[in-house]
């Protein structure tokens, strides 16, 4: 289930998709619910197609009215794109540089890079490496590598990549493999090339799962 926002129609919508355990067993069903005042009901979305959720790609993200998430489609690794306004699907296939990474669990993370879809690879030995989608029609990606020193690499050891803030900082959160009773966020500023670490207090027990949301703004508006 995915939440997206249509900036033109100024509407929040929920996309619900059934998932197959194996590719080609049956077509998935897709339904959409528009949040807001008035009568609400789930509407079917066409066309139907067989899709398997891609566990090797972490996260789903909505950028400029388009929802993105990873999946298997027609026996290929792909990124599913759902236009929240028109409620239409399309698919972005990855290039050969990504293919080896797709078979390593949790290796690629979707994130918003200055208004463009990006994929971060956490297995890079060089430092920070990611791809940015430059053209969704031609599936053109640009590769970016930022080399890190041994000290800088140590700062993001035992962390999970989260994404990029609206102010241009990359963010990592501490993982379950890190020290017990320790929760922190690490920020990396691309322009200044500097790191900063923020410790979060109040966690008395060793945690097993963390979900970090970037650019969160408190809003008491009731969508339902």
Protein backbone atom coordinates (compact mmCIF):
# COMPACT_ATOMS: atom_id res chain seq x y z
CA UNK A 1 0.00 0.00 0.00
CA UNK A 2 1.40 3.40 -1.03
CA UNK A 3 0.51 7.03 -0.29
CA UNK A 4 0.96 9.66 -3.00
CA UNK A 5 0.11 13.29 -3.60
CA UNK A 6 -1.15 14.94 -6.79
CA UNK A 7 0.13 18.57 -6.73
CA UNK A 8 -2.13 19.63 -9.62
CA UNK A 9 -5.34 18.25 -8.18
CA UNK A 10 -4.10 18.86 -4.61
CA UNK A 11 -5.26 15.39 -3.57
CA UNK A 12 -3.77 12.59 -1.51
CA UNK A 13 -4.40 9.10 -2.86
CA UNK A 14 -3.71 5.59 -1.57
CA UNK A 15 -2.64 2.89 -4.05
CA UNK A 16 -3.37 -0.67 -2.91
CA UNK A 17 -1.85 -3.54 -4.89
CA UNK A 18 -2.06 -7.27 -4.37
CA UNK A 19 1.25 -9.11 -4.56
CA UNK A 20 2.13 -12.49 -6.04
CA UNK A 21 4.69 -14.74 -4.39
CA UNK A 22 5.85 -15.91 -7.81
CA UNK A 23 5.90 -14.09 -11.13
CA UNK A 24 3.15 -14.98 -13.60
CA UNK A 25 0.91 -16.87 -11.15
CA UNK A 26 -1.95 -14.40 -11.55
CA UNK A 27 -2.57 -10.78 -12.44
CA UNK A 28 -2.42 -8.31 -9.60
CA UNK A 29 -5.40 -6.14 -8.72
CA UNK A 30 -4.87 -2.41 -8.25
CA UNK A 31 -7.21 -0.06 -6.42
CA UNK A 32 -7.04 3.64 -5.57
CA UNK A 33 -8.66 5.58 -2.73
CA UNK A 34 -8.82 9.39 -2.80
CA UNK A 35 -8.50 10.90 0.67
CA UNK A 36 -10.53 13.92 1.68
CA UNK A 37 -14.09 15.00 2.50
CA UNK A 38 -17.11 13.34 0.98
CA UNK A 39 -17.88 9.77 0.10
CA UNK A 40 -14.83 7.53 -0.24
CA UNK A 41 -14.56 4.23 -2.06
CA UNK A 42 -11.87 2.07 -3.66
CA UNK A 43 -11.74 2.29 -7.45
CA UNK A 44 -10.11 -0.36 -9.67
CA UNK A 45 -7.19 0.79 -11.80
CA UNK A 46 -6.38 -0.69 -15.20
CA UNK A 47 -4.59 -2.40 -16.75
CA UNK A 48 -4.10 -5.56 -14.74
CA UNK A 49 -0.64 -7.10 -14.85
CA UNK A 50 1.47 -9.56 -12.91
CA UNK A 51 3.89 -7.91 -10.52
CA UNK A 52 6.18 -9.17 -7.77
CA UNK A 53 7.31 -6.74 -5.10
CA UNK A 54 11.08 -6.19 -5.30
CA UNK A 55 12.54 -6.63 -1.82
CA UNK A 56 16.05 -5.68 -2.93
CA UNK A 57 15.00 -2.07 -3.44
CA UNK A 58 14.32 -0.24 -0.20
CA UNK A 59 11.57 2.31 0.09
CA UNK A 60 8.92 3.93 -2.04
CA UNK A 61 8.78 7.64 -2.77
CA UNK A 62 6.49 10.22 -4.37
CA UNK A 63 8.16 12.98 -6.42
CA UNK A 64 6.19 15.65 -8.30
CA UNK A 65 3.02 13.57 -8.30
CA UNK A 66 4.61 10.25 -9.29
CA UNK A 67 4.95 7.23 -6.99
CA UNK A 68 8.06 5.05 -7.43
CA UNK A 69 8.80 1.58 -6.05
CA UNK A 70 10.80 -1.46 -7.10
CA UNK A 71 9.33 -4.68 -8.53
CA UNK A 72 9.76 -7.62 -10.92
CA UNK A 73 7.82 -7.04 -14.14
CA UNK A 74 7.97 -9.28 -17.21
CA UNK A 75 10.88 -11.10 -15.53
CA UNK A 76 12.97 -7.93 -15.35
CA UNK A 77 13.99 -5.76 -12.42
CA UNK A 78 12.16 -2.48 -12.83
CA UNK A 79 10.93 0.59 -11.05
CA UNK A 80 7.16 1.01 -11.16
CA UNK A 81 5.92 4.57 -11.73
CA UNK A 82 2.34 5.48 -10.83
CA UNK A 83 1.07 8.91 -11.84
CA UNK A 84 -1.15 9.93 -8.93
CA UNK A 85 -3.16 12.42 -10.99
CA UNK A 86 -3.89 10.37 -14.12
CA UNK A 87 -3.73 7.03 -12.24
CA UNK A 88 -1.62 5.51 -15.02
CA UNK A 89 1.29 3.07 -14.71
CA UNK A 90 4.60 3.04 -16.54
CA UNK A 91 7.92 1.31 -15.92
CA UNK A 92 11.56 2.34 -15.79
CA UNK A 93 14.11 -0.36 -16.50
CA UNK A 94 17.51 -0.11 -14.89
CA UNK A 95 20.78 -0.10 -16.80
CA UNK A 96 23.49 -2.77 -16.69
CA UNK A 97 25.37 -0.96 -13.92
CA UNK A 98 22.50 -1.64 -11.55
CA UNK A 99 21.88 -5.28 -12.38
CA UNK A 100 24.49 -6.84 -10.06
CA UNK A 101 23.15 -4.75 -7.19
CA UNK A 102 19.63 -6.09 -7.61
CA UNK A 103 20.59 -9.49 -6.29
CA UNK A 104 21.99 -8.20 -2.99
CA UNK A 105 19.17 -7.81 -0.40
CA UNK A 106 18.67 -4.26 0.74
CA UNK A 107 21.37 -2.93 -1.54
CA UNK A 108 19.53 -0.12 -3.34
CA UNK A 109 17.53 2.70 -1.78
CA UNK A 110 15.14 5.00 -3.63
CA UNK A 111 15.36 8.68 -2.70
CA UNK A 112 14.63 12.19 -3.91
CA UNK A 113 17.73 13.93 -5.30
CA UNK A 114 16.91 17.58 -5.96
CA UNK A 115 13.52 16.70 -7.42
CA UNK A 116 14.74 13.68 -9.38
CA UNK A 117 14.49 9.96 -8.66
CA UNK A 118 17.76 8.48 -7.44
CA UNK A 119 19.14 5.08 -6.37
CA UNK A 120 21.81 4.77 -3.69
CA UNK A 121 24.05 1.70 -3.51
CA UNK A 122 25.24 0.86 0.00
CA UNK A 123 27.84 -1.72 -1.06
CA UNK A 124 30.18 0.79 -2.69
CA UNK A 125 33.77 0.57 -1.46
CA UNK A 126 34.55 4.05 -2.77
CA UNK A 127 32.23 5.92 -0.46
CA UNK A 128 28.90 7.43 -1.46
CA UNK A 129 27.66 6.19 -4.84
CA UNK A 130 24.26 6.75 -6.43
CA UNK A 131 22.48 7.05 -9.77
CA UNK A 132 20.13 9.87 -10.77
CA UNK A 133 17.35 9.40 -13.34
CA UNK A 134 17.95 12.16 -15.89
CA UNK A 135 15.33 11.12 -18.46
CA UNK A 136 12.37 8.89 -17.61
CA UNK A 137 11.46 8.41 -21.28
CA UNK A 138 14.87 7.11 -22.41
CA UNK A 139 15.73 5.57 -19.01
CA UNK A 140 18.95 7.58 -18.90
CA UNK A 141 20.83 7.51 -15.57
CA UNK A 142 23.84 9.53 -14.43
CA UNK A 143 26.34 8.02 -11.97
CA UNK A 144 27.71 10.01 -9.03
CA UNK A 145 30.56 9.00 -6.70
CA UNK A 146 31.78 10.95 -3.67
CA UNK A 147 34.95 9.49 -2.20
CA UNK A 148 35.10 9.42 1.59
CA UNK A 149 38.07 9.25 3.92
CA UNK A 150 38.55 6.37 6.35
CA UNK A 151 37.25 8.56 9.18
CA UNK A 152 34.18 9.57 7.18
CA UNK A 153 33.44 5.96 6.24
CA UNK A 154 33.66 5.07 9.92
CA UNK A 155 30.98 7.68 10.68
CA UNK A 156 28.43 5.84 8.53
CA UNK A 157 29.45 2.35 9.63
CA UNK A 158 26.52 0.38 11.12
CA UNK A 159 24.02 2.78 9.57
CA UNK A 160 21.24 2.64 7.00
CA UNK A 161 20.97 5.18 4.19
CA UNK A 162 17.73 7.16 4.49
CA UNK A 163 17.79 9.77 1.73
CA UNK A 164 18.39 13.45 1.10
CA UNK A 165 16.80 16.40 2.89
CA UNK A 166 15.28 19.37 1.13
CA UNK A 167 18.35 21.40 2.14
CA UNK A 168 20.71 19.02 0.31
CA UNK A 169 22.08 16.83 3.10
CA UNK A 170 22.40 13.04 2.84
CA UNK A 171 21.10 11.20 5.91
CA UNK A 172 21.94 7.85 7.52
CA UNK A 173 20.28 6.37 10.62
CA UNK A 174 21.85 3.93 13.05
CA UNK A 175 21.00 0.28 12.35
CA UNK A 176 20.26 -2.72 14.55
CA UNK A 177 23.86 -3.87 13.99
CA UNK A 178 25.21 -0.86 15.84
CA UNK A 179 25.93 -0.42 19.56
CA UNK A 180 22.99 -1.20 21.90
CA UNK A 181 20.91 1.68 23.29
CA UNK A 182 22.34 3.97 20.62
CA UNK A 183 20.14 5.86 18.18
CA UNK A 184 21.57 8.60 16.02
CA UNK A 185 21.41 10.29 12.62
CA UNK A 186 24.41 11.21 10.48
CA UNK A 187 24.20 14.09 7.99
CA UNK A 188 26.56 14.77 5.08
CA UNK A 189 26.54 18.15 3.36
CA UNK A 190 27.53 17.81 -0.29
CA UNK A 191 28.55 21.43 -0.80
CA UNK A 192 30.73 21.79 2.29
CA UNK A 193 31.83 18.15 2.40
CA UNK A 194 31.20 17.99 6.14
CA UNK A 195 29.55 15.43 8.42
CA UNK A 196 27.53 15.98 11.58
CA UNK A 197 26.01 13.50 13.98
CA UNK A 198 22.82 13.91 16.02
CA UNK A 199 22.21 11.58 18.97
CA UNK A 200 18.62 10.80 19.96
CA UNK A 201 17.98 10.12 23.64
CA UNK A 202 15.24 8.11 25.34
CA UNK A 203 15.69 4.62 23.86
CA UNK A 204 16.34 2.30 26.77
CA UNK A 205 16.22 -1.02 24.94
CA UNK A 206 18.05 -2.34 21.92
CA UNK A 207 15.91 -1.67 18.87
CA UNK A 208 15.42 -4.00 15.93
CA UNK A 209 13.79 -1.76 13.34
CA UNK A 210 13.91 1.94 12.54
CA UNK A 211 12.02 3.99 9.98
CA UNK A 212 13.25 7.55 9.47
CA UNK A 213 11.08 10.12 7.66
CA UNK A 214 12.75 13.19 6.16
CA UNK A 215 11.30 16.71 5.83
CA UNK A 216 8.37 15.81 8.10
CA UNK A 217 6.01 18.69 8.90
CA UNK A 218 3.42 18.44 11.67
CA UNK A 219 -0.10 18.93 10.30
CA UNK A 220 -3.32 18.21 12.17
CA UNK A 221 -5.44 18.17 8.99
CA UNK A 222 -7.74 15.12 8.98
CA UNK A 223 -7.49 13.52 5.53
CA UNK A 224 -10.27 10.99 6.01
